Each structure stands twice: as C-alpha cells, then as structure tokens.
Amino acid sequence: MFIEGTKTTPGISVSNGIFEVKGRSIPEDAFAFFSPLLDEANLYFSRPTQKTEIRFHLEYINSGSKKYITNLLARFNTFYQSGHDVVIYWHFDYDDESMHDLGNDLRSMIQIPFHIIEVK
C-alpha cells in the first residue's frame, strides 16, 4: 500500500511488515483518509510478517487524525497482546514539543514497545 503525501495528508506506506506514516495530517475527512490504512491493518493481521514496525514522523496532526491514529494503535495493541512482535517508532522534530507530548500520550495508552526519537 502506498499513498502519496500532500500538504494536508501524510504519506503512508505499508510493505513487508513496516507501516509508515509521515508528514502533515489535517485531512478534510479523516475517516475517508484513514479507512484504507485501517483496512490494510486488518488484512495484515491475517497474514503478518514475523516482526511488525510502525513508524511515525508527523509534522502536525489534527484531532480527527489523532482519533484514527489512536484507533490504529489500539488494533495493533490487541495484535501485540496476542503474541506478535510489534514495535513503534515515533519520530518528532527536535523543537516540536507538542509532537513529543503526543508521542508520550499515545505510548501511555498501549503496551507495545514505543520509542520516541528526536530528529534534528
């Protein structure tokens, strides 16, 4: 799966057990934008790779997008709790305190190993 990023939507790629979301996430219709990613995750759960990585590097995220990112992580948390190897990498720009804080908030909601990485 590959979705090209735009000024208002993040680029998304899913390949070989790696889910990557990068860019700005302020879509007009968060449901319409994130539904294919949630569908892809559900399909992936039926035929996973040995290890799953979820990589985020978001510049900005609105509340609608946050809802769907939280939903995605909840689904992966259930997958992780059923014994699958999952790790999350949350990248944030060194001067972006709000994205750092959001990473910490999301990490507190799940049990998946969650690495918050400052990017300079």
N, C-alpha and C. Protein backbone atom coordinates (compact mmCIF):
# COMPACT_ATOMS: atom_id res chain seq x y z
N MET A 1 0.85 -1.17 0.00
CA MET A 1 0.00 0.00 0.00
C MET A 1 0.89 1.23 0.00
N PHE A 2 0.53 2.21 -0.82
CA PHE A 2 1.27 3.47 -0.85
C PHE A 2 0.30 4.60 -1.14
N ILE A 3 0.34 5.63 -0.29
CA ILE A 3 -0.45 6.84 -0.51
C ILE A 3 0.53 8.01 -0.46
N GLU A 4 0.59 8.76 -1.54
CA GLU A 4 1.47 9.92 -1.63
C GLU A 4 1.01 11.00 -0.65
N GLY A 5 1.95 11.61 0.05
CA GLY A 5 1.63 12.70 0.95
C GLY A 5 1.28 13.96 0.18
N THR A 6 0.45 14.81 0.80
CA THR A 6 0.08 16.10 0.22
C THR A 6 0.32 17.18 1.28
N LYS A 7 -0.11 18.39 1.02
CA LYS A 7 0.02 19.47 2.01
C LYS A 7 -0.85 19.21 3.24
N THR A 8 -1.92 18.41 3.08
CA THR A 8 -2.85 18.18 4.19
C THR A 8 -2.93 16.72 4.64
N THR A 9 -2.30 15.83 3.93
CA THR A 9 -2.37 14.42 4.32
C THR A 9 -0.97 13.79 4.33
N PRO A 10 -0.73 12.90 5.27
CA PRO A 10 0.59 12.27 5.34
C PRO A 10 0.79 11.23 4.25
N GLY A 11 2.04 10.99 3.93
CA GLY A 11 2.36 9.86 3.09
C GLY A 11 2.25 8.60 3.92
N ILE A 12 1.72 7.57 3.32
CA ILE A 12 1.57 6.29 4.03
C ILE A 12 2.13 5.19 3.15
N SER A 13 2.93 4.33 3.75
CA SER A 13 3.39 3.14 3.03
C SER A 13 3.31 1.94 3.96
N VAL A 14 2.94 0.84 3.37
CA VAL A 14 2.88 -0.43 4.09
C VAL A 14 3.56 -1.46 3.21
N SER A 15 4.62 -2.06 3.76
CA SER A 15 5.36 -3.04 2.99
C SER A 15 6.20 -3.91 3.92
N ASN A 16 6.14 -5.21 3.73
CA ASN A 16 6.99 -6.16 4.46
C ASN A 16 6.96 -5.95 5.98
N GLY A 17 5.78 -5.73 6.52
CA GLY A 17 5.65 -5.59 7.97
C GLY A 17 5.98 -4.23 8.51
N ILE A 18 6.22 -3.25 7.64
CA ILE A 18 6.53 -1.89 8.07
C ILE A 18 5.39 -0.96 7.64
N PHE A 19 4.80 -0.32 8.63
CA PHE A 19 3.75 0.68 8.41
C PHE A 19 4.40 2.04 8.69
N GLU A 20 4.36 2.94 7.71
CA GLU A 20 4.99 4.24 7.89
C GLU A 20 4.00 5.35 7.56
N VAL A 21 3.94 6.34 8.47
CA VAL A 21 3.06 7.50 8.30
C VAL A 21 3.93 8.73 8.52
N LYS A 22 4.01 9.60 7.49
CA LYS A 22 4.94 10.72 7.56
C LYS A 22 4.35 11.96 6.90
N GLY A 23 4.43 13.10 7.62
CA GLY A 23 4.01 14.38 7.04
C GLY A 23 2.99 15.09 7.91
N ARG A 24 2.19 15.93 7.28
CA ARG A 24 1.12 16.68 7.96
C ARG A 24 -0.17 15.88 7.84
N SER A 25 -0.95 15.86 8.91
CA SER A 25 -2.21 15.13 8.88
C SER A 25 -3.36 16.03 9.32
N ILE A 26 -3.91 16.73 8.34
CA ILE A 26 -5.06 17.59 8.56
C ILE A 26 -6.09 17.39 7.44
N PRO A 27 -6.50 16.15 7.18
CA PRO A 27 -7.43 15.91 6.08
C PRO A 27 -8.81 16.47 6.39
N GLU A 28 -9.51 16.84 5.34
CA GLU A 28 -10.90 17.30 5.48
C GLU A 28 -11.76 16.22 6.11
N ASP A 29 -11.59 14.99 5.62
CA ASP A 29 -12.39 13.86 6.09
C ASP A 29 -11.44 12.77 6.58
N ALA A 30 -11.15 12.78 7.87
CA ALA A 30 -10.19 11.83 8.44
C ALA A 30 -10.66 10.39 8.25
N PHE A 31 -11.96 10.15 8.36
CA PHE A 31 -12.49 8.79 8.17
C PHE A 31 -12.15 8.28 6.77
N ALA A 32 -12.45 9.08 5.76
CA ALA A 32 -12.19 8.66 4.39
C ALA A 32 -10.69 8.46 4.14
N PHE A 33 -9.87 9.31 4.73
CA PHE A 33 -8.44 9.19 4.51
C PHE A 33 -7.85 7.97 5.21
N PHE A 34 -8.21 7.74 6.46
CA PHE A 34 -7.57 6.68 7.25
C PHE A 34 -8.22 5.30 7.08
N SER A 35 -9.43 5.23 6.54
CA SER A 35 -10.09 3.93 6.37
C SER A 35 -9.26 2.92 5.58
N PRO A 36 -8.63 3.31 4.47
CA PRO A 36 -7.80 2.32 3.76
C PRO A 36 -6.64 1.79 4.61
N LEU A 37 -6.07 2.63 5.44
CA LEU A 37 -4.98 2.18 6.31
C LEU A 37 -5.50 1.20 7.36
N LEU A 38 -6.64 1.49 7.95
CA LEU A 38 -7.23 0.57 8.93
C LEU A 38 -7.61 -0.75 8.27
N ASP A 39 -8.14 -0.69 7.04
CA ASP A 39 -8.47 -1.91 6.30
C ASP A 39 -7.20 -2.71 6.00
N GLU A 40 -6.13 -2.02 5.62
CA GLU A 40 -4.86 -2.70 5.35
C GLU A 40 -4.32 -3.38 6.61
N ALA A 41 -4.46 -2.71 7.75
CA ALA A 41 -4.02 -3.31 9.02
C ALA A 41 -4.81 -4.58 9.30
N ASN A 42 -6.12 -4.52 9.12
CA ASN A 42 -6.95 -5.72 9.35
C ASN A 42 -6.55 -6.86 8.43
N LEU A 43 -6.26 -6.55 7.19
CA LEU A 43 -5.80 -7.58 6.25
C LEU A 43 -4.44 -8.13 6.68
N TYR A 44 -3.57 -7.25 7.12
CA TYR A 44 -2.23 -7.64 7.58
C TYR A 44 -2.31 -8.62 8.75
N PHE A 45 -3.23 -8.41 9.66
CA PHE A 45 -3.35 -9.28 10.84
C PHE A 45 -3.62 -10.73 10.45
N SER A 46 -4.20 -10.96 9.29
CA SER A 46 -4.49 -12.33 8.86
C SER A 46 -3.28 -13.00 8.23
N ARG A 47 -2.26 -12.22 7.86
CA ARG A 47 -1.04 -12.77 7.26
C ARG A 47 0.17 -11.90 7.61
N PRO A 48 0.50 -11.82 8.92
CA PRO A 48 1.57 -10.92 9.34
C PRO A 48 2.96 -11.46 9.03
N THR A 49 3.93 -10.55 9.02
CA THR A 49 5.32 -10.95 8.96
C THR A 49 5.77 -11.29 10.39
N GLN A 50 6.99 -11.78 10.52
CA GLN A 50 7.47 -12.17 11.85
C GLN A 50 7.57 -10.97 12.79
N LYS A 51 7.98 -9.82 12.27
CA LYS A 51 8.10 -8.62 13.09
C LYS A 51 7.37 -7.48 12.39
N THR A 52 6.71 -6.65 13.19
CA THR A 52 5.97 -5.51 12.66
C THR A 52 6.56 -4.23 13.24
N GLU A 53 6.83 -3.27 12.36
CA GLU A 53 7.30 -1.95 12.79
C GLU A 53 6.28 -0.91 12.34
N ILE A 54 5.99 0.01 13.23
CA ILE A 54 5.13 1.13 12.89
C ILE A 54 5.96 2.38 13.11
N ARG A 55 6.12 3.17 12.06
CA ARG A 55 6.97 4.35 12.11
C ARG A 55 6.14 5.60 11.82
N PHE A 56 6.21 6.54 12.74
CA PHE A 56 5.53 7.82 12.56
C PHE A 56 6.57 8.93 12.53
N HIS A 57 6.34 9.90 11.66
CA HIS A 57 7.07 11.17 11.71
C HIS A 57 6.09 12.22 11.21
N LEU A 58 5.31 12.74 12.13
CA LEU A 58 4.27 13.70 11.79
C LEU A 58 4.70 15.11 12.16
N GLU A 59 4.49 16.04 11.24
CA GLU A 59 4.79 17.45 11.49
C GLU A 59 3.67 18.10 12.28
N TYR A 60 2.46 17.69 11.98
CA TYR A 60 1.28 18.25 12.64
C TYR A 60 0.15 17.25 12.47
N ILE A 61 -0.74 17.20 13.47
CA ILE A 61 -1.87 16.28 13.40
C ILE A 61 -3.08 16.96 14.02
N ASN A 62 -4.22 16.89 13.34
CA ASN A 62 -5.44 17.47 13.91
C ASN A 62 -6.18 16.43 14.74
N SER A 63 -7.23 16.85 15.41
CA SER A 63 -7.94 15.95 16.33
C SER A 63 -8.59 14.78 15.61
N GLY A 64 -9.10 15.00 14.40
CA GLY A 64 -9.69 13.89 13.65
C GLY A 64 -8.66 12.83 13.31
N SER A 65 -7.48 13.26 12.91
CA SER A 65 -6.41 12.31 12.60
C SER A 65 -5.94 11.58 13.85
N LYS A 66 -5.86 12.32 14.95
CA LYS A 66 -5.42 11.70 16.20
C LYS A 66 -6.36 10.55 16.58
N LYS A 67 -7.64 10.73 16.35
CA LYS A 67 -8.63 9.68 16.65
C LYS A 67 -8.31 8.40 15.87
N TYR A 68 -7.99 8.55 14.59
CA TYR A 68 -7.73 7.36 13.77
C TYR A 68 -6.36 6.76 14.04
N ILE A 69 -5.38 7.57 14.38
CA ILE A 69 -4.06 7.04 14.78
C ILE A 69 -4.23 6.25 16.08
N THR A 70 -5.02 6.78 17.01
CA THR A 70 -5.28 6.08 18.27
C THR A 70 -5.99 4.75 18.00
N ASN A 71 -6.95 4.76 17.09
CA ASN A 71 -7.67 3.55 16.71
C ASN A 71 -6.71 2.52 16.10
N LEU A 72 -5.83 2.98 15.22
CA LEU A 72 -4.85 2.09 14.60
C LEU A 72 -3.96 1.46 15.67
N LEU A 73 -3.48 2.28 16.60
CA LEU A 73 -2.60 1.75 17.65
C LEU A 73 -3.34 0.80 18.57
N ALA A 74 -4.60 1.05 18.84
CA ALA A 74 -5.39 0.12 19.67
C ALA A 74 -5.50 -1.24 18.99
N ARG A 75 -5.69 -1.24 17.68
CA ARG A 75 -5.77 -2.51 16.94
C ARG A 75 -4.44 -3.25 17.00
N PHE A 76 -3.35 -2.51 16.82
CA PHE A 76 -2.04 -3.15 16.90
C PHE A 76 -1.72 -3.59 18.32
N ASN A 77 -2.24 -2.89 19.31
CA ASN A 77 -2.02 -3.30 20.69
C ASN A 77 -2.67 -4.67 20.95
N THR A 78 -3.87 -4.87 20.45
CA THR A 78 -4.54 -6.17 20.57
C THR A 78 -3.73 -7.25 19.86
N PHE A 79 -3.23 -6.92 18.68
CA PHE A 79 -2.38 -7.83 17.90
C PHE A 79 -1.12 -8.19 18.70
N TYR A 80 -0.50 -7.18 19.30
CA TYR A 80 0.70 -7.37 20.13
C TYR A 80 0.39 -8.26 21.34
N GLN A 81 -0.72 -8.00 21.99
CA GLN A 81 -1.10 -8.77 23.18
C GLN A 81 -1.40 -10.23 22.85
N SER A 82 -1.69 -10.51 21.59
CA SER A 82 -1.93 -11.90 21.20
C SER A 82 -0.63 -12.64 20.86
N GLY A 83 0.52 -11.97 21.12
CA GLY A 83 1.79 -12.66 21.00
C GLY A 83 2.64 -12.26 19.81
N HIS A 84 2.25 -11.27 19.05
CA HIS A 84 3.04 -10.85 17.88
C HIS A 84 4.09 -9.81 18.27
N ASP A 85 5.17 -9.82 17.52
CA ASP A 85 6.29 -8.91 17.74
C ASP A 85 6.00 -7.59 17.02
N VAL A 86 5.76 -6.53 17.81
CA VAL A 86 5.43 -5.21 17.26
C VAL A 86 6.28 -4.18 17.99
N VAL A 87 6.77 -3.18 17.25
CA VAL A 87 7.48 -2.07 17.85
C VAL A 87 7.05 -0.78 17.13
N ILE A 88 6.98 0.31 17.88
CA ILE A 88 6.59 1.60 17.33
C ILE A 88 7.75 2.57 17.48
N TYR A 89 7.99 3.34 16.42
CA TYR A 89 8.98 4.41 16.43
C TYR A 89 8.25 5.72 16.15
N TRP A 90 8.27 6.62 17.12
CA TRP A 90 7.61 7.92 17.00
C TRP A 90 8.71 8.98 16.86
N HIS A 91 8.90 9.47 15.64
CA HIS A 91 9.90 10.49 15.38
C HIS A 91 9.25 11.86 15.49
N PHE A 92 9.98 12.80 16.08
CA PHE A 92 9.49 14.17 16.16
C PHE A 92 10.66 15.12 15.97
N ASP A 93 10.37 16.28 15.40
CA ASP A 93 11.41 17.27 15.20
C ASP A 93 11.85 17.83 16.54
N TYR A 94 13.13 18.08 16.69
CA TYR A 94 13.73 18.44 17.98
C TYR A 94 13.05 19.63 18.67
N ASP A 95 12.45 20.53 17.94
CA ASP A 95 11.84 21.71 18.55
C ASP A 95 10.32 21.62 18.63
N ASP A 96 9.77 20.43 18.43
CA ASP A 96 8.31 20.27 18.39
C ASP A 96 7.81 19.57 19.66
N GLU A 97 7.61 20.37 20.68
CA GLU A 97 7.19 19.84 21.98
C GLU A 97 5.81 19.17 21.91
N SER A 98 4.91 19.69 21.10
CA SER A 98 3.56 19.11 21.04
C SER A 98 3.58 17.70 20.45
N MET A 99 4.44 17.45 19.44
CA MET A 99 4.51 16.09 18.88
C MET A 99 5.24 15.15 19.85
N HIS A 100 6.19 15.68 20.60
CA HIS A 100 6.84 14.88 21.64
C HIS A 100 5.80 14.47 22.69
N ASP A 101 5.00 15.43 23.13
CA ASP A 101 3.98 15.15 24.14
C ASP A 101 2.93 14.17 23.63
N LEU A 102 2.54 14.33 22.37
CA LEU A 102 1.56 13.40 21.79
C LEU A 102 2.13 11.98 21.78
N GLY A 103 3.40 11.84 21.42
CA GLY A 103 4.03 10.52 21.45
C GLY A 103 3.96 9.91 22.84
N ASN A 104 4.25 10.71 23.86
CA ASN A 104 4.17 10.22 25.24
C ASN A 104 2.75 9.83 25.61
N ASP A 105 1.77 10.63 25.18
CA ASP A 105 0.37 10.31 25.47
C ASP A 105 -0.03 8.99 24.83
N LEU A 106 0.34 8.81 23.57
CA LEU A 106 -0.02 7.58 22.86
C LEU A 106 0.69 6.38 23.49
N ARG A 107 1.95 6.56 23.85
CA ARG A 107 2.71 5.47 24.48
C ARG A 107 2.03 5.01 25.77
N SER A 108 1.45 5.93 26.52
CA SER A 108 0.83 5.58 27.79
C SER A 108 -0.46 4.78 27.62
N MET A 109 -1.02 4.76 26.41
CA MET A 109 -2.29 4.07 26.17
C MET A 109 -2.14 2.62 25.75
N ILE A 110 -0.92 2.21 25.40
CA ILE A 110 -0.71 0.87 24.86
C ILE A 110 0.46 0.18 25.55
N GLN A 111 0.61 -1.11 25.30
CA GLN A 111 1.70 -1.89 25.88
C GLN A 111 2.82 -2.16 24.90
N ILE A 112 2.65 -1.83 23.63
CA ILE A 112 3.65 -2.08 22.60
C ILE A 112 4.93 -1.29 22.92
N PRO A 113 6.12 -1.88 22.74
CA PRO A 113 7.34 -1.10 22.88
C PRO A 113 7.27 0.13 21.97
N PHE A 114 7.48 1.30 22.54
CA PHE A 114 7.22 2.57 21.87
C PHE A 114 8.43 3.48 22.07
N HIS A 115 9.17 3.73 21.00
CA HIS A 115 10.39 4.52 21.08
C HIS A 115 10.12 5.92 20.55
N ILE A 116 10.40 6.92 21.35
CA ILE A 116 10.24 8.31 20.94
C ILE A 116 11.62 8.84 20.57
N ILE A 117 11.75 9.29 19.32
CA ILE A 117 13.07 9.62 18.76
C ILE A 117 13.06 11.07 18.29
N GLU A 118 13.96 11.83 18.84
CA GLU A 118 14.13 13.24 18.44
C GLU A 118 14.95 13.30 17.15
N VAL A 119 14.45 14.06 16.18
CA VAL A 119 15.14 14.22 14.90
C VAL A 119 15.64 15.66 14.80
N LYS A 120 16.92 15.83 14.52
CA LYS A 120 17.48 17.18 14.42
C LYS A 120 17.50 17.69 13.00
